[in-house]
């Protein structure tokens, strides 16, 4: 039986995934009240992706790990972490901030654990390459990720993916499917980056592209 619970709701222009960190600057009055309530009652709030038009119905709860800074006017800088995924059943506006009745869900049990681990290892290598090129190594805690389910969310949170892609990864209930699709997409991203860097190196040299060779590839929308 699925557990239903009412939680504070924070629509944002981003997608939060489980076990990934998210720093937030809280400045709107309604969210100051919401975060104050969460701190006082030691409870989590839900983050859902708002694309400017629609609020997605699948989101992720956030736990407050640390208050980074308090401002004199009540603003806060906090560090949060993604925890459990949920689906919104109903929304309420009785308080200054939104609340939602949600049901929680998790990934199905994976039968082919070996295949998941192979994909997870491959994805981690690709992610390390991506962060080395983008200079974002400090944003990832590679040493803390051990099981392939955690790794699947770490890869899915990669900055190379669009918000819509991250939302699709969030909604998946198969670890293997998330790993398979995210690793495949990350491979294509890395291929494009490597080709771009090779072109820049050639142009940055003498502009001679005689020795440049690359298989044709199709840019995905």
Protein backbone atom coordinates (compact mmCIF):
# COMPACT_ATOMS: atom_id res chain seq x y z
CA UNK A 1 0.00 0.00 0.00
CA UNK A 2 1.37 3.40 -0.99
CA UNK A 3 1.93 5.89 1.82
CA UNK A 4 0.18 9.24 1.42
CA UNK A 5 1.47 12.34 3.14
CA UNK A 6 0.96 16.10 3.00
CA UNK A 7 4.18 18.07 2.52
CA UNK A 8 5.18 21.71 1.85
CA UNK A 9 5.73 22.29 -1.87
CA UNK A 10 8.41 24.44 -3.51
CA UNK A 11 8.00 24.78 -7.31
CA UNK A 12 11.34 25.71 -8.90
CA UNK A 13 12.81 26.02 -12.36
CA UNK A 14 15.00 22.96 -11.83
CA UNK A 15 14.81 19.22 -11.22
CA UNK A 16 16.05 17.77 -7.94
CA UNK A 17 17.10 14.12 -7.94
CA UNK A 18 17.58 11.83 -4.93
CA UNK A 19 20.92 11.95 -3.11
CA UNK A 20 22.09 15.05 -4.97
CA UNK A 21 22.97 18.31 -3.18
CA UNK A 22 21.16 21.58 -3.90
CA UNK A 23 22.08 24.97 -2.37
CA UNK A 24 19.15 27.41 -2.19
CA UNK A 25 18.81 31.12 -1.49
CA UNK A 26 15.50 31.70 0.29
CA UNK A 27 14.26 35.26 -0.16
CA UNK A 28 10.49 35.23 -0.78
CA UNK A 29 8.45 35.74 2.38
CA UNK A 30 6.26 32.67 1.85
CA UNK A 31 9.30 30.44 1.49
CA UNK A 32 10.99 31.99 4.51
CA UNK A 33 7.90 30.87 6.44
CA UNK A 34 7.98 27.42 4.83
CA UNK A 35 11.68 26.82 5.56
CA UNK A 36 11.23 28.16 9.10
CA UNK A 37 8.44 25.63 9.65
CA UNK A 38 10.57 22.80 8.23
CA UNK A 39 13.50 23.73 10.47
CA UNK A 40 11.31 24.00 13.56
CA UNK A 41 9.54 20.69 12.94
CA UNK A 42 12.56 18.92 11.42
CA UNK A 43 10.66 17.96 8.28
CA UNK A 44 11.32 17.86 4.56
CA UNK A 45 9.71 19.82 1.76
CA UNK A 46 8.98 18.81 -1.82
CA UNK A 47 10.61 20.34 -4.89
CA UNK A 48 8.81 20.08 -8.22
CA UNK A 49 9.94 21.35 -11.61
CA UNK A 50 8.04 24.44 -12.80
CA UNK A 51 8.79 25.26 -16.45
CA UNK A 52 7.09 28.65 -16.38
CA UNK A 53 3.75 27.23 -17.45
CA UNK A 54 3.11 23.92 -15.71
CA UNK A 55 4.06 22.32 -12.42
CA UNK A 56 5.20 18.74 -12.93
CA UNK A 57 3.38 16.17 -10.82
CA UNK A 58 6.47 14.09 -9.99
CA UNK A 59 9.00 15.62 -7.62
CA UNK A 60 11.56 14.90 -4.92
CA UNK A 61 11.67 15.78 -1.24
CA UNK A 62 14.56 17.84 0.08
CA UNK A 63 16.11 17.62 3.52
CA UNK A 64 17.86 20.67 4.96
CA UNK A 65 21.45 19.69 5.71
CA UNK A 66 22.81 23.02 6.83
CA UNK A 67 22.06 26.72 7.15
CA UNK A 68 24.92 28.35 5.28
CA UNK A 69 24.03 31.96 6.10
CA UNK A 70 21.33 33.99 7.81
CA UNK A 71 20.69 37.55 6.65
CA UNK A 72 19.36 40.41 8.79
CA UNK A 73 16.19 40.66 6.68
CA UNK A 74 15.32 36.98 7.20
CA UNK A 75 16.77 35.62 3.98
CA UNK A 76 18.59 32.30 4.18
CA UNK A 77 21.23 30.38 2.29
CA UNK A 78 20.69 26.68 2.89
CA UNK A 79 22.17 23.42 1.65
CA UNK A 80 19.64 20.71 0.87
CA UNK A 81 19.79 17.16 -0.48
CA UNK A 82 17.31 15.20 -2.58
CA UNK A 83 15.69 12.32 -0.73
CA UNK A 84 12.47 10.53 -1.78
CA UNK A 85 10.45 10.78 -4.99
CA UNK A 86 6.73 11.41 -4.97
CA UNK A 87 3.70 11.95 -7.18
CA UNK A 88 1.27 14.78 -6.38
CA UNK A 89 -2.30 13.66 -5.75
CA UNK A 90 -3.73 17.02 -4.69
CA UNK A 91 -2.55 20.56 -3.89
CA UNK A 92 -3.69 23.02 -1.21
CA UNK A 93 -3.20 26.76 -0.73
CA UNK A 94 -4.41 27.12 2.88
CA UNK A 95 -1.03 28.50 3.96
CA UNK A 96 1.16 31.25 2.46
CA UNK A 97 2.99 28.47 0.56
CA UNK A 98 1.62 25.50 -1.37
CA UNK A 99 1.15 22.09 0.19
CA UNK A 100 0.50 18.81 -1.58
CA UNK A 101 -0.85 15.39 -0.74
CA UNK A 102 1.65 13.00 -2.28
CA UNK A 103 2.36 9.30 -2.65
CA UNK A 104 5.96 8.13 -2.55
CA UNK A 105 7.55 5.66 -4.93
CA UNK A 106 10.90 3.97 -5.43
CA UNK A 107 12.68 1.93 -8.07
CA UNK A 108 11.60 -1.63 -8.68
CA UNK A 109 13.97 -4.35 -7.54
CA UNK A 110 16.57 -5.04 -10.21
CA UNK A 111 17.09 -8.67 -11.16
CA UNK A 112 20.14 -8.10 -13.38
CA UNK A 113 22.42 -6.40 -10.88
CA UNK A 114 25.58 -7.22 -12.84
CA UNK A 115 24.33 -5.34 -15.91
CA UNK A 116 23.45 -2.36 -13.72
CA UNK A 117 26.92 -2.33 -12.17
CA UNK A 118 28.60 -2.43 -15.59
CA UNK A 119 26.51 0.55 -16.74
CA UNK A 120 27.16 2.38 -13.47
CA UNK A 121 30.94 1.96 -13.81
CA UNK A 122 30.84 3.13 -17.41
CA UNK A 123 28.66 6.10 -16.51
CA UNK A 124 30.95 7.14 -13.64
CA UNK A 125 33.96 7.16 -15.97
CA UNK A 126 32.06 9.32 -18.46
CA UNK A 127 30.86 11.65 -15.72
CA UNK A 128 34.40 12.11 -14.40
CA UNK A 129 35.53 13.00 -17.93
CA UNK A 130 32.67 15.48 -18.27
CA UNK A 131 33.36 17.18 -14.93
CA UNK A 132 37.09 17.36 -15.68
CA UNK A 133 36.40 19.18 -18.96
CA UNK A 134 33.70 21.44 -17.51
CA UNK A 135 35.65 22.17 -14.32
CA UNK A 136 32.78 21.00 -12.11
CA UNK A 137 34.62 18.31 -10.12
CA UNK A 138 33.92 20.07 -6.83
CA UNK A 139 30.16 19.77 -7.41
CA UNK A 140 30.27 15.97 -7.23
CA UNK A 141 31.04 13.65 -4.33
CA UNK A 142 32.22 10.61 -6.25
CA UNK A 143 33.61 8.87 -3.18
CA UNK A 144 30.19 8.82 -1.50
CA UNK A 145 28.52 6.90 -4.34
CA UNK A 146 28.84 3.13 -4.04
CA UNK A 147 25.66 1.34 -5.17
CA UNK A 148 24.45 1.51 -8.76
CA UNK A 149 21.11 3.07 -7.80
CA UNK A 150 22.85 6.06 -6.20
CA UNK A 151 25.16 6.31 -9.20
CA UNK A 152 22.16 6.31 -11.56
CA UNK A 153 20.86 9.49 -9.90
CA UNK A 154 24.31 11.11 -9.84
CA UNK A 155 24.67 10.57 -13.59
CA UNK A 156 21.08 11.74 -14.23
CA UNK A 157 21.83 15.00 -12.39
CA UNK A 158 24.70 15.82 -14.79
CA UNK A 159 24.67 19.44 -16.00
CA UNK A 160 24.92 18.18 -19.57
CA UNK A 161 21.28 17.08 -19.50
CA UNK A 162 18.31 19.37 -20.05
CA UNK A 163 15.72 19.88 -17.33
CA UNK A 164 13.20 17.86 -19.33
CA UNK A 165 15.68 14.97 -19.58
CA UNK A 166 16.31 15.12 -15.84
CA UNK A 167 12.57 15.08 -15.22
CA UNK A 168 12.22 11.91 -17.29
CA UNK A 169 15.06 10.28 -15.34
CA UNK A 170 13.34 11.29 -12.09
CA UNK A 171 10.08 9.65 -13.14
CA UNK A 172 11.66 6.31 -14.09
CA UNK A 173 11.11 3.44 -11.66
CA UNK A 174 13.77 1.18 -13.21
CA UNK A 175 17.39 1.72 -12.18
CA UNK A 176 18.59 -0.22 -15.22
CA UNK A 177 16.51 1.88 -17.61
CA UNK A 178 17.76 5.12 -16.01
CA UNK A 179 21.37 3.96 -16.25
CA UNK A 180 20.95 2.72 -19.81
CA UNK A 181 19.40 5.93 -21.14
CA UNK A 182 21.53 8.37 -19.14
CA UNK A 183 24.81 6.63 -19.99
CA UNK A 184 23.88 6.48 -23.68
CA UNK A 185 23.01 10.20 -23.68
CA UNK A 186 26.17 11.09 -21.76
CA UNK A 187 28.24 9.16 -24.32
CA UNK A 188 26.77 11.31 -27.10
CA UNK A 189 27.42 14.48 -25.11
CA UNK A 190 31.06 13.47 -24.60
CA UNK A 191 31.45 12.61 -28.29
CA UNK A 192 30.23 16.09 -29.25
CA UNK A 193 32.51 17.73 -26.70
CA UNK A 194 35.55 15.82 -27.94
CA UNK A 195 34.82 16.72 -31.57
CA UNK A 196 34.34 20.37 -30.61
CA UNK A 197 37.64 20.40 -28.71
CA UNK A 198 39.44 18.75 -31.61
CA UNK A 199 38.10 21.35 -34.04
CA UNK A 200 39.13 24.17 -31.69
CA UNK A 201 42.62 22.73 -31.34
CA UNK A 202 43.01 22.51 -35.12
CA UNK A 203 41.67 26.02 -35.71
CA UNK A 204 43.76 27.30 -32.84
CA UNK A 205 46.82 25.84 -34.56
CA UNK A 206 47.22 26.64 -38.24
CA UNK A 207 43.66 26.08 -39.38
CA UNK A 208 44.71 23.00 -41.33
CA UNK A 209 41.98 20.37 -41.06
CA UNK A 210 43.65 17.85 -43.37
CA UNK A 211 44.17 15.35 -40.56
CA UNK A 212 40.77 15.88 -38.95
CA UNK A 213 38.58 12.80 -39.11
CA UNK A 214 35.33 12.10 -37.31
CA UNK A 215 32.35 9.93 -38.00
CA UNK A 216 29.19 11.86 -38.88
CA UNK A 217 26.88 12.37 -35.94
CA UNK A 218 23.40 13.72 -35.46
CA UNK A 219 22.71 16.43 -32.93
CA UNK A 220 19.73 15.56 -30.80
CA UNK A 221 17.17 18.28 -30.08
